[in-house]
Every structure is written in C-alpha cells, then in structure tokens.
Full PDB file with SEQRES, HELIX, SHEET, SSBOND, CRYST1, ORIGX, SCALE, CONECT and MASTER records, all heavy atoms in Angstrom:
SEQRES   1 A   40  GLN ARG VAL LEU GLN SER GLU GLY HIS THR VAL LEU THR          
SEQRES   2 A   40  ALA ALA ASP GLY GLU GLU GLY ILE ARG CYS LEU GLU GLN          
SEQRES   3 A   40  GLU SER PHE ASP LEU VAL ILE THR ASP ILE MET MET GLY          
SEQRES   4 A   40  ALA                                                          
HELIX    1 AA1 ARG A    2  SER A    6  1                                   5    
HELIX    2 AA2 GLY A   17  GLN A   26  1                                  10    
CRYST1    1.000    1.000    1.000  90.00  90.00  90.00 P 1           1          
ORIGX1      1.000000  0.000000  0.000000        0.00000                         
ORIGX2      0.000000  1.000000  0.000000        0.00000                         
ORIGX3      0.000000  0.000000  1.000000        0.00000                         
SCALE1      1.000000  0.000000  0.000000        0.00000                         
SCALE2      0.000000  1.000000  0.000000        0.00000                         
SCALE3      0.000000  0.000000  1.000000        0.00000                         
ATOM      1  N   GLN A   1     -25.933 202.383 133.843  1.00  0.00           N  
ATOM      2  CA  GLN A   1     -27.024 203.083 133.166  1.00  0.00           C  
ATOM      3  C   GLN A   1     -28.018 203.626 134.180  1.00  0.00           C  
ATOM      4  O   GLN A   1     -28.414 204.794 134.112  1.00  0.00           O  
ATOM      5  CB  GLN A   1     -27.717 202.149 132.182  1.00  0.00           C  
ATOM      6  CG  GLN A   1     -28.867 202.808 131.443  1.00  0.00           C  
ATOM      7  CD  GLN A   1     -29.554 201.855 130.485  1.00  0.00           C  
ATOM      8  OE1 GLN A   1     -29.524 200.630 130.668  1.00  0.00           O  
ATOM      9  NE2 GLN A   1     -30.166 202.396 129.462  1.00  0.00           N  
ATOM     10  N   ARG A   2     -28.415 202.826 135.137  1.00  0.00           N  
ATOM     11  CA  ARG A   2     -29.396 203.259 136.137  1.00  0.00           C  
ATOM     12  C   ARG A   2     -28.874 204.410 136.994  1.00  0.00           C  
ATOM     13  O   ARG A   2     -29.586 205.378 137.263  1.00  0.00           O  
ATOM     14  CB  ARG A   2     -29.792 202.089 137.028  1.00  0.00           C  
ATOM     15  CG  ARG A   2     -30.665 201.087 136.341  1.00  0.00           C  
ATOM     16  CD  ARG A   2     -31.031 199.948 137.253  1.00  0.00           C  
ATOM     17  NE  ARG A   2     -31.825 198.958 136.541  1.00  0.00           N  
ATOM     18  CZ  ARG A   2     -31.979 197.728 136.927  1.00  0.00           C  
ATOM     19  NH1 ARG A   2     -31.401 197.298 138.040  1.00  0.00           N  
ATOM     20  NH2 ARG A   2     -32.710 196.890 136.220  1.00  0.00           N  
ATOM     21  N   VAL A   3     -27.628 204.307 137.416  1.00  0.00           N  
ATOM     22  CA  VAL A   3     -27.041 205.360 138.254  1.00  0.00           C  
ATOM     23  C   VAL A   3     -26.981 206.681 137.494  1.00  0.00           C  
ATOM     24  O   VAL A   3     -27.380 207.733 138.004  1.00  0.00           O  
ATOM     25  CB  VAL A   3     -25.630 204.956 138.750  1.00  0.00           C  
ATOM     26  CG1 VAL A   3     -24.898 206.140 139.355  1.00  0.00           C  
ATOM     27  CG2 VAL A   3     -25.719 203.812 139.744  1.00  0.00           C  
ATOM     28  N   LEU A   4     -26.505 206.629 136.256  1.00  0.00           N  
ATOM     29  CA  LEU A   4     -26.376 207.856 135.473  1.00  0.00           C  
ATOM     30  C   LEU A   4     -27.731 208.441 135.088  1.00  0.00           C  
ATOM     31  O   LEU A   4     -27.917 209.656 135.098  1.00  0.00           O  
ATOM     32  CB  LEU A   4     -25.511 207.602 134.243  1.00  0.00           C  
ATOM     33  CG  LEU A   4     -24.044 207.299 134.569  1.00  0.00           C  
ATOM     34  CD1 LEU A   4     -23.323 206.748 133.346  1.00  0.00           C  
ATOM     35  CD2 LEU A   4     -23.350 208.535 135.115  1.00  0.00           C  
ATOM     36  N   GLN A   5     -28.701 207.585 134.775  1.00  0.00           N  
ATOM     37  CA  GLN A   5     -30.046 208.077 134.471  1.00  0.00           C  
ATOM     38  C   GLN A   5     -30.685 208.711 135.698  1.00  0.00           C  
ATOM     39  O   GLN A   5     -31.395 209.715 135.580  1.00  0.00           O  
ATOM     40  CB  GLN A   5     -30.931 206.951 133.934  1.00  0.00           C  
ATOM     41  CG  GLN A   5     -30.607 206.580 132.511  1.00  0.00           C  
ATOM     42  CD  GLN A   5     -31.417 205.407 131.994  1.00  0.00           C  
ATOM     43  OE1 GLN A   5     -31.871 204.549 132.760  1.00  0.00           O  
ATOM     44  NE2 GLN A   5     -31.589 205.343 130.689  1.00  0.00           N  
ATOM     45  N   SER A   6     -30.418 208.167 136.870  1.00  0.00           N  
ATOM     46  CA  SER A   6     -30.989 208.742 138.094  1.00  0.00           C  
ATOM     47  C   SER A   6     -30.442 210.139 138.367  1.00  0.00           C  
ATOM     48  O   SER A   6     -31.057 210.919 139.088  1.00  0.00           O  
ATOM     49  CB  SER A   6     -30.724 207.826 139.300  1.00  0.00           C  
ATOM     50  OG  SER A   6     -29.368 207.903 139.706  1.00  0.00           O  
ATOM     51  N   GLU A   7     -29.301 210.462 137.770  1.00  0.00           N  
ATOM     52  CA  GLU A   7     -28.718 211.794 137.892  1.00  0.00           C  
ATOM     53  C   GLU A   7     -29.179 212.721 136.775  1.00  0.00           C  
ATOM     54  O   GLU A   7     -28.724 213.851 136.668  1.00  0.00           O  
ATOM     55  CB  GLU A   7     -27.188 211.699 137.894  1.00  0.00           C  
ATOM     56  CG  GLU A   7     -26.633 210.983 139.108  1.00  0.00           C  
ATOM     57  CD  GLU A   7     -26.889 211.730 140.410  1.00  0.00           C  
ATOM     58  OE1 GLU A   7     -26.817 212.975 140.414  1.00  0.00           O  
ATOM     59  OE2 GLU A   7     -27.198 211.054 141.420  1.00  0.00           O  
ATOM     60  N   GLY A   8     -30.083 212.233 135.918  1.00  0.00           N  
ATOM     61  CA  GLY A   8     -30.672 213.061 134.878  1.00  0.00           C  
ATOM     62  C   GLY A   8     -30.029 212.966 133.502  1.00  0.00           C  
ATOM     63  O   GLY A   8     -30.427 213.676 132.586  1.00  0.00           O  
ATOM     64  N   HIS A   9     -29.056 212.096 133.350  1.00  0.00           N  
ATOM     65  CA  HIS A   9     -28.391 211.953 132.058  1.00  0.00           C  
ATOM     66  C   HIS A   9     -29.203 211.068 131.117  1.00  0.00           C  
ATOM     67  O   HIS A   9     -29.925 210.174 131.559  1.00  0.00           O  
ATOM     68  CB  HIS A   9     -27.003 211.323 132.239  1.00  0.00           C  
ATOM     69  CG  HIS A   9     -26.092 212.133 133.095  1.00  0.00           C  
ATOM     70  ND1 HIS A   9     -25.489 213.293 132.666  1.00  0.00           N  
ATOM     71  CD2 HIS A   9     -25.695 211.956 134.382  1.00  0.00           C  
ATOM     72  CE1 HIS A   9     -24.752 213.783 133.635  1.00  0.00           C  
ATOM     73  NE2 HIS A   9     -24.868 212.995 134.699  1.00  0.00           N  
ATOM     74  N   THR A  10     -29.065 211.322 129.830  1.00  0.00           N  
ATOM     75  CA  THR A  10     -29.599 210.435 128.807  1.00  0.00           C  
ATOM     76  C   THR A  10     -28.522 209.393 128.548  1.00  0.00           C  
ATOM     77  O   THR A  10     -27.380 209.746 128.241  1.00  0.00           O  
ATOM     78  CB  THR A  10     -29.901 211.211 127.510  1.00  0.00           C  
ATOM     79  OG1 THR A  10     -30.847 212.238 127.806  1.00  0.00           O  
ATOM     80  CG2 THR A  10     -30.438 210.287 126.429  1.00  0.00           C  
ATOM     81  N   VAL A  11     -28.868 208.118 128.689  1.00  0.00           N  
ATOM     82  CA  VAL A  11     -27.859 207.060 128.607  1.00  0.00           C  
ATOM     83  C   VAL A  11     -28.281 205.997 127.603  1.00  0.00           C  
ATOM     84  O   VAL A  11     -29.382 205.461 127.688  1.00  0.00           O  
ATOM     85  CB  VAL A  11     -27.629 206.397 129.982  1.00  0.00           C  
ATOM     86  CG1 VAL A  11     -26.563 205.321 129.882  1.00  0.00           C  
ATOM     87  CG2 VAL A  11     -27.252 207.432 131.030  1.00  0.00           C  
ATOM     88  N   LEU A  12     -27.403 205.721 126.655  1.00  0.00           N  
ATOM     89  CA  LEU A  12     -27.573 204.603 125.740  1.00  0.00           C  
ATOM     90  C   LEU A  12     -26.483 203.597 126.063  1.00  0.00           C  
ATOM     91  O   LEU A  12     -25.428 203.973 126.589  1.00  0.00           O  
ATOM     92  CB  LEU A  12     -27.446 205.052 124.283  1.00  0.00           C  
ATOM     93  CG  LEU A  12     -28.717 205.661 123.674  1.00  0.00           C  
ATOM     94  CD1 LEU A  12     -28.970 207.035 124.232  1.00  0.00           C  
ATOM     95  CD2 LEU A  12     -28.602 205.692 122.184  1.00  0.00           C  
ATOM     96  N   THR A  13     -26.723 202.330 125.722  1.00  0.00           N  
ATOM     97  CA  THR A  13     -25.738 201.302 126.018  1.00  0.00           C  
ATOM     98  C   THR A  13     -25.445 200.458 124.786  1.00  0.00           C  
ATOM     99  O   THR A  13     -26.269 200.354 123.876  1.00  0.00           O  
ATOM    100  CB  THR A  13     -26.204 200.373 127.155  1.00  0.00           C  
ATOM    101  OG1 THR A  13     -27.366 199.658 126.740  1.00  0.00           O  
ATOM    102  CG2 THR A  13     -26.496 201.154 128.427  1.00  0.00           C  
ATOM    103  N   ALA A  14     -24.262 199.871 124.802  1.00  0.00           N  
ATOM    104  CA  ALA A  14     -23.850 198.930 123.768  1.00  0.00           C  
ATOM    105  C   ALA A  14     -23.164 197.757 124.458  1.00  0.00           C  
ATOM    106  O   ALA A  14     -22.418 197.950 125.422  1.00  0.00           O  
ATOM    107  CB  ALA A  14     -22.899 199.596 122.778  1.00  0.00           C  
ATOM    108  N   ALA A  15     -23.409 196.563 123.962  1.00  0.00           N  
ATOM    109  CA  ALA A  15     -22.899 195.348 124.591  1.00  0.00           C  
ATOM    110  C   ALA A  15     -21.481 194.980 124.151  1.00  0.00           C  
ATOM    111  O   ALA A  15     -20.861 194.107 124.743  1.00  0.00           O  
ATOM    112  CB  ALA A  15     -23.839 194.181 124.310  1.00  0.00           C  
ATOM    113  N   ASP A  16     -20.959 195.646 123.123  1.00  0.00           N  
ATOM    114  CA  ASP A  16     -19.592 195.374 122.684  1.00  0.00           C  
ATOM    115  C   ASP A  16     -19.089 196.547 121.849  1.00  0.00           C  
ATOM    116  O   ASP A  16     -19.831 197.479 121.553  1.00  0.00           O  
ATOM    117  CB  ASP A  16     -19.500 194.056 121.905  1.00  0.00           C  
ATOM    118  CG  ASP A  16     -20.389 194.009 120.681  1.00  0.00           C  
ATOM    119  OD1 ASP A  16     -20.528 195.030 119.981  1.00  0.00           O  
ATOM    120  OD2 ASP A  16     -20.952 192.934 120.404  1.00  0.00           O  
ATOM    121  N   GLY A  17     -17.819 196.485 121.482  1.00  0.00           N  
ATOM    122  CA  GLY A  17     -17.208 197.581 120.743  1.00  0.00           C  
ATOM    123  C   GLY A  17     -17.816 197.829 119.379  1.00  0.00           C  
ATOM    124  O   GLY A  17     -17.962 198.976 118.950  1.00  0.00           O  
ATOM    125  N   GLU A  18     -18.183 196.760 118.687  1.00  0.00           N  
ATOM    126  CA  GLU A  18     -18.805 196.925 117.364  1.00  0.00           C  
ATOM    127  C   GLU A  18     -20.112 197.695 117.471  1.00  0.00           C  
ATOM    128  O   GLU A  18     -20.367 198.623 116.701  1.00  0.00           O  
ATOM    129  CB  GLU A  18     -19.046 195.568 116.719  1.00  0.00           C  
ATOM    130  CG  GLU A  18     -17.791 194.856 116.301  1.00  0.00           C  
ATOM    131  CD  GLU A  18     -18.078 193.500 115.703  1.00  0.00           C  
ATOM    132  OE1 GLU A  18     -18.619 193.468 114.580  1.00  0.00           O  
ATOM    133  OE2 GLU A  18     -17.763 192.493 116.363  1.00  0.00           O  
ATOM    134  N   GLU A  19     -20.949 197.304 118.421  1.00  0.00           N  
ATOM    135  CA  GLU A  19     -22.225 197.990 118.622  1.00  0.00           C  
ATOM    136  C   GLU A  19     -21.979 199.432 119.061  1.00  0.00           C  
ATOM    137  O   GLU A  19     -22.678 200.349 118.638  1.00  0.00           O  
ATOM    138  CB  GLU A  19     -23.052 197.241 119.669  1.00  0.00           C  
ATOM    139  CG  GLU A  19     -24.426 197.820 119.882  1.00  0.00           C  
ATOM    140  CD  GLU A  19     -25.228 197.062 120.934  1.00  0.00           C  
ATOM    141  OE1 GLU A  19     -24.773 196.022 121.451  1.00  0.00           O  
ATOM    142  OE2 GLU A  19     -26.337 197.548 121.242  1.00  0.00           O  
ATOM    143  N   GLY A  20     -20.974 199.626 119.892  1.00  0.00           N  
ATOM    144  CA  GLY A  20     -20.643 200.977 120.342  1.00  0.00           C  
ATOM    145  C   GLY A  20     -20.257 201.893 119.193  1.00  0.00           C  
ATOM    146  O   GLY A  20     -20.710 203.030 119.111  1.00  0.00           O  
ATOM    147  N   ILE A  21     -19.437 201.393 118.284  1.00  0.00           N  
ATOM    148  CA  ILE A  21     -19.039 202.203 117.127  1.00  0.00           C  
ATOM    149  C   ILE A  21     -20.238 202.494 116.237  1.00  0.00           C  
ATOM    150  O   ILE A  21     -20.385 203.611 115.730  1.00  0.00           O  
ATOM    151  CB  ILE A  21     -17.886 201.528 116.356  1.00  0.00           C  
ATOM    152  CG1 ILE A  21     -16.599 201.635 117.191  1.00  0.00           C  
ATOM    153  CG2 ILE A  21     -17.698 202.151 114.976  1.00  0.00           C  
ATOM    154  CD1 ILE A  21     -15.410 200.906 116.626  1.00  0.00           C  
ATOM    155  N   ARG A  22     -21.139 201.535 116.073  1.00  0.00           N  
ATOM    156  CA  ARG A  22     -22.363 201.797 115.293  1.00  0.00           C  
ATOM    157  C   ARG A  22     -23.166 202.928 115.942  1.00  0.00           C  
ATOM    158  O   ARG A  22     -23.680 203.814 115.248  1.00  0.00           O  
ATOM    159  CB  ARG A  22     -23.212 200.538 115.165  1.00  0.00           C  
ATOM    160  CG  ARG A  22     -22.699 199.568 114.116  1.00  0.00           C  
ATOM    161  CD  ARG A  22     -23.719 198.494 113.752  1.00  0.00           C  
ATOM    162  NE  ARG A  22     -24.178 197.710 114.887  1.00  0.00           N  
ATOM    163  CZ  ARG A  22     -23.578 196.617 115.347  1.00  0.00           C  
ATOM    164  NH1 ARG A  22     -22.470 196.179 114.758  1.00  0.00           N  
ATOM    165  NH2 ARG A  22     -24.069 195.953 116.376  1.00  0.00           N  
ATOM    166  N   CYS A  23     -23.281 202.911 117.261  1.00  0.00           N  
ATOM    167  CA  CYS A  23     -23.990 203.983 117.970  1.00  0.00           C  
ATOM    168  C   CYS A  23     -23.319 205.329 117.720  1.00  0.00           C  
ATOM    169  O   CYS A  23     -23.986 206.338 117.485  1.00  0.00           O  
ATOM    170  CB  CYS A  23     -24.034 203.710 119.471  1.00  0.00           C  
ATOM    171  SG  CYS A  23     -25.095 202.357 119.976  1.00  0.00           S  
ATOM    172  N   LEU A  24     -21.987 205.349 117.790  1.00  0.00           N  
ATOM    173  CA  LEU A  24     -21.234 206.589 117.579  1.00  0.00           C  
ATOM    174  C   LEU A  24     -21.394 207.117 116.160  1.00  0.00           C  
ATOM    175  O   LEU A  24     -21.328 208.324 115.944  1.00  0.00           O  
ATOM    176  CB  LEU A  24     -19.753 206.353 117.877  1.00  0.00           C  
ATOM    177  CG  LEU A  24     -19.410 206.196 119.352  1.00  0.00           C  
ATOM    178  CD1 LEU A  24     -18.038 205.548 119.516  1.00  0.00           C  
ATOM    179  CD2 LEU A  24     -19.458 207.549 120.053  1.00  0.00           C  
ATOM    180  N   GLU A  25     -21.613 206.232 115.212  1.00  0.00           N  
ATOM    181  CA  GLU A  25     -21.806 206.649 113.825  1.00  0.00           C  
ATOM    182  C   GLU A  25     -23.214 207.195 113.583  1.00  0.00           C  
ATOM    183  O   GLU A  25     -23.432 207.942 112.639  1.00  0.00           O  
ATOM    184  CB  GLU A  25     -21.516 205.486 112.878  1.00  0.00           C  
ATOM    185  CG  GLU A  25     -20.034 205.130 112.842  1.00  0.00           C  
ATOM    186  CD  GLU A  25     -19.730 203.879 112.052  1.00  0.00           C  
ATOM    187  OE1 GLU A  25     -20.651 203.060 111.815  1.00  0.00           O  
ATOM    188  OE2 GLU A  25     -18.555 203.700 111.688  1.00  0.00           O  
ATOM    189  N   GLN A  26     -24.159 206.851 114.457  1.00  0.00           N  
ATOM    190  CA  GLN A  26     -25.548 207.263 114.277  1.00  0.00           C  
ATOM    191  C   GLN A  26     -25.929 208.468 115.121  1.00  0.00           C  
ATOM    192  O   GLN A  26     -26.846 209.211 114.771  1.00  0.00           O  
ATOM    193  CB  GLN A  26     -26.487 206.105 114.611  1.00  0.00           C  
ATOM    194  CG  GLN A  26     -26.335 204.943 113.666  1.00  0.00           C  
ATOM    195  CD  GLN A  26     -27.127 203.720 114.117  1.00  0.00           C  
ATOM    196  OE1 GLN A  26     -27.809 203.738 115.123  1.00  0.00           O  
ATOM    197  NE2 GLN A  26     -27.009 202.640 113.366  1.00  0.00           N  
ATOM    198  N   GLU A  27     -25.258 208.660 116.258  1.00  0.00           N  
ATOM    199  CA  GLU A  27     -25.629 209.725 117.188  1.00  0.00           C  
ATOM    200  C   GLU A  27     -24.382 210.355 117.781  1.00  0.00           C  
ATOM    201  O   GLU A  27     -23.312 209.767 117.750  1.00  0.00           O  
ATOM    202  CB  GLU A  27     -26.487 209.161 118.329  1.00  0.00           C  
ATOM    203  CG  GLU A  27     -27.774 208.522 117.871  1.00  0.00           C  
ATOM    204  CD  GLU A  27     -28.656 208.126 119.025  1.00  0.00           C  
ATOM    205  OE1 GLU A  27     -28.816 208.944 119.948  1.00  0.00           O  
ATOM    206  OE2 GLU A  27     -29.169 207.002 119.004  1.00  0.00           O  
ATOM    207  N   SER A  28     -24.556 211.555 118.348  1.00  0.00           N  
ATOM    208  CA  SER A  28     -23.437 212.194 119.033  1.00  0.00           C  
ATOM    209  C   SER A  28     -23.631 212.051 120.542  1.00  0.00           C  
ATOM    210  O   SER A  28     -24.761 211.987 121.041  1.00  0.00           O  
ATOM    211  CB  SER A  28     -23.336 213.663 118.635  1.00  0.00           C  
ATOM    212  OG  SER A  28     -24.499 214.359 119.026  1.00  0.00           O  
ATOM    213  N   PHE A  29     -22.519 211.998 121.252  1.00  0.00           N  
ATOM    214  CA  PHE A  29     -22.524 211.823 122.698  1.00  0.00           C  
ATOM    215  C   PHE A  29     -21.566 212.817 123.335  1.00  0.00           C  
ATOM    216  O   PHE A  29     -20.551 213.187 122.735  1.00  0.00           O  
ATOM    217  CB  PHE A  29     -22.091 210.394 123.064  1.00  0.00           C  
ATOM    218  CG  PHE A  29     -23.030 209.346 122.567  1.00  0.00           C  
ATOM    219  CD1 PHE A  29     -22.862 208.772 121.318  1.00  0.00           C  
ATOM    220  CD2 PHE A  29     -24.116 208.947 123.334  1.00  0.00           C  
ATOM    221  CE1 PHE A  29     -23.736 207.819 120.842  1.00  0.00           C  
ATOM    222  CE2 PHE A  29     -25.001 207.988 122.871  1.00  0.00           C  
ATOM    223  CZ  PHE A  29     -24.810 207.427 121.621  1.00  0.00           C  
ATOM    224  N   ASP A  30     -21.901 213.218 124.554  1.00  0.00           N  
ATOM    225  CA  ASP A  30     -21.008 214.089 125.314  1.00  0.00           C  
ATOM    226  C   ASP A  30     -19.883 213.289 125.955  1.00  0.00           C  
ATOM    227  O   ASP A  30     -18.771 213.788 126.127  1.00  0.00           O  
ATOM    228  CB  ASP A  30     -21.789 214.821 126.410  1.00  0.00           C  
ATOM    229  CG  ASP A  30     -22.894 215.682 125.833  1.00  0.00           C  
ATOM    230  OD1 ASP A  30     -22.584 216.528 124.975  1.00  0.00           O  
ATOM    231  OD2 ASP A  30     -24.063 215.494 126.223  1.00  0.00           O  
ATOM    232  N   LEU A  31     -20.190 212.051 126.321  1.00  0.00           N  
ATOM    233  CA  LEU A  31     -19.246 211.214 127.053  1.00  0.00           C  
ATOM    234  C   LEU A  31     -19.444 209.758 126.656  1.00  0.00           C  
ATOM    235  O   LEU A  31     -20.580 209.310 126.479  1.00  0.00           O  
ATOM    236  CB  LEU A  31     -19.489 211.367 128.560  1.00  0.00           C  
ATOM    237  CG  LEU A  31     -18.681 210.488 129.509  1.00  0.00           C  
ATOM    238  CD1 LEU A  31     -17.217 210.905 129.502  1.00  0.00           C  
ATOM    239  CD2 LEU A  31     -19.252 210.566 130.913  1.00  0.00           C  
ATOM    240  N   VAL A  32     -18.336 209.028 126.544  1.00  0.00           N  
ATOM    241  CA  VAL A  32     -18.381 207.582 126.310  1.00  0.00           C  
ATOM    242  C   VAL A  32     -17.613 206.910 127.439  1.00  0.00           C  
ATOM    243  O   VAL A  32     -16.479 207.285 127.742  1.00  0.00           O  
ATOM    244  CB  VAL A  32     -17.760 207.201 124.954  1.00  0.00           C  
ATOM    245  CG1 VAL A  32     -17.702 205.688 124.801  1.00  0.00           C  
ATOM    246  CG2 VAL A  32     -18.554 207.815 123.804  1.00  0.00           C  
ATOM    247  N   ILE A  33     -18.252 205.944 128.069  1.00  0.00           N  
ATOM    248  CA  ILE A  33     -17.606 205.108 129.077  1.00  0.00           C  
ATOM    249  C   ILE A  33     -17.483 203.726 128.454  1.00  0.00           C  
ATOM    250  O   ILE A  33     -18.494 203.123 128.103  1.00  0.00           O  
ATOM    251  CB  ILE A  33     -18.443 205.039 130.373  1.00  0.00           C  
ATOM    252  CG1 ILE A  33     -18.626 206.434 130.961  1.00  0.00           C  
ATOM    253  CG2 ILE A  33     -17.794 204.082 131.371  1.00  0.00           C  
ATOM    254  CD1 ILE A  33     -19.626 206.493 132.111  1.00  0.00           C  
ATOM    255  N   THR A  34     -16.250 203.257 128.301  1.00  0.00           N  
ATOM    256  CA  THR A  34     -16.059 201.980 127.619  1.00  0.00           C  
ATOM    257  C   THR A  34     -15.164 201.025 128.403  1.00  0.00           C  
ATOM    258  O   THR A  34     -14.207 201.450 129.051  1.00  0.00           O  
ATOM    259  CB  THR A  34     -15.475 202.181 126.200  1.00  0.00           C  
ATOM    260  OG1 THR A  34     -15.421 200.921 125.530  1.00  0.00           O  
ATOM    261  CG2 THR A  34     -14.102 202.817 126.221  1.00  0.00           C  
ATOM    262  N   ASP A  35     -15.523 199.767 128.326  1.00  0.00           N  
ATOM    263  CA  ASP A  35     -14.664 198.695 128.801  1.00  0.00           C  
ATOM    264  C   ASP A  35     -13.467 198.651 127.846  1.00  0.00           C  
ATOM    265  O   ASP A  35     -13.577 199.045 126.688  1.00  0.00           O  
ATOM    266  CB  ASP A  35     -15.459 197.378 128.758  1.00  0.00           C  
ATOM    267  CG  ASP A  35     -14.748 196.216 129.414  1.00  0.00           C  
ATOM    268  OD1 ASP A  35     -13.606 196.385 129.871  1.00  0.00           O  
ATOM    269  OD2 ASP A  35     -15.345 195.127 129.467  1.00  0.00           O  
ATOM    270  N   ILE A  36     -12.348 198.189 128.311  1.00  0.00           N  
ATOM    271  CA  ILE A  36     -11.172 198.074 127.450  1.00  0.00           C  
ATOM    272  C   ILE A  36     -11.086 196.681 126.833  1.00  0.00           C  
ATOM    273  O   ILE A  36     -10.924 196.532 125.631  1.00  0.00           O  
ATOM    274  CB  ILE A  36      -9.876 198.388 128.241  1.00  0.00           C  
ATOM    275  CG1 ILE A  36      -9.890 199.835 128.724  1.00  0.00           C  
ATOM    276  CG2 ILE A  36      -8.635 198.110 127.405  1.00  0.00           C  
ATOM    277  CD1 ILE A  36      -9.922 200.871 127.627  1.00  0.00           C  
ATOM    278  N   MET A  37     -11.219 195.663 127.642  1.00  0.00           N  
ATOM    279  CA  MET A  37     -11.056 194.287 127.180  1.00  0.00           C  
ATOM    280  C   MET A  37     -12.413 193.712 126.767  1.00  0.00           C  
ATOM    281  O   MET A  37     -13.216 193.327 127.611  1.00  0.00           O  
ATOM    282  CB  MET A  37     -10.442 193.421 128.283  1.00  0.00           C  
ATOM    283  CG  MET A  37      -9.116 193.938 128.798  1.00  0.00           C  
ATOM    284  SD  MET A  37      -7.857 194.077 127.526  1.00  0.00           S  
ATOM    285  CE  MET A  37      -7.484 192.366 127.270  1.00  0.00           C  
ATOM    286  N   MET A  38     -12.656 193.712 125.472  1.00  0.00           N  
ATOM    287  CA  MET A  38     -13.889 193.141 124.923  1.00  0.00           C  
ATOM    288  C   MET A  38     -13.503 192.214 123.783  1.00  0.00           C  
ATOM    289  O   MET A  38     -12.331 191.932 123.597  1.00  0.00           O  
ATOM    290  CB  MET A  38     -14.821 194.251 124.445  1.00  0.00           C  
ATOM    291  CG  MET A  38     -15.349 195.128 125.577  1.00  0.00           C  
ATOM    292  SD  MET A  38     -16.519 196.389 125.031  1.00  0.00           S  
ATOM    293  CE  MET A  38     -15.412 197.601 124.314  1.00  0.00           C  
ATOM    294  N   GLY A  39     -14.465 191.767 123.022  1.00  0.00           N  
ATOM    295  CA  GLY A  39     -14.230 190.816 121.939  1.00  0.00           C  
ATOM    296  C   GLY A  39     -13.378 191.373 120.817  1.00  0.00           C  
ATOM    297  O   GLY A  39     -12.292 191.907 121.038  1.00  0.00           O  
ATOM    298  N   ALA A  40     -13.870 191.275 119.610  1.00  0.00           N  
ATOM    299  CA  ALA A  40     -13.113 191.639 118.408  1.00  0.00           C  
ATOM    300  C   ALA A  40     -12.742 193.117 118.366  1.00  0.00           C  
ATOM    301  O   ALA A  40     -11.687 193.483 117.856  1.00  0.00           O  
ATOM    302  CB  ALA A  40     -13.918 191.268 117.169  1.00  0.00           C  
TER     303      ALA A  40                                                      
MASTER        0    0    0    2    0    0    0    6  302    1    0    4          
END                                                                             
C-alpha cells in the first residue's frame, strides 16, 4: 500500500478474500492484487 501510494495511486486494502469481494461489490478498481492462499 505504501509503495503504490507513493507512486500516486489510490489504494484500498482488504485482509482476506471475503473483505476483498465486499470491496469489489461497493467500488470499482483498475487493478486488484491478491494473495492466492487465504482462508475460506
């Protein structure tokens, strides 16, 4: 988040896949960077 924000990007974060999908349902994003191995 810090590295990408320092380059001028707007960055939101999610701590797991469920939270990430909730974010995607509420807002649009140009790019998603996701971990593969997470919880449920």
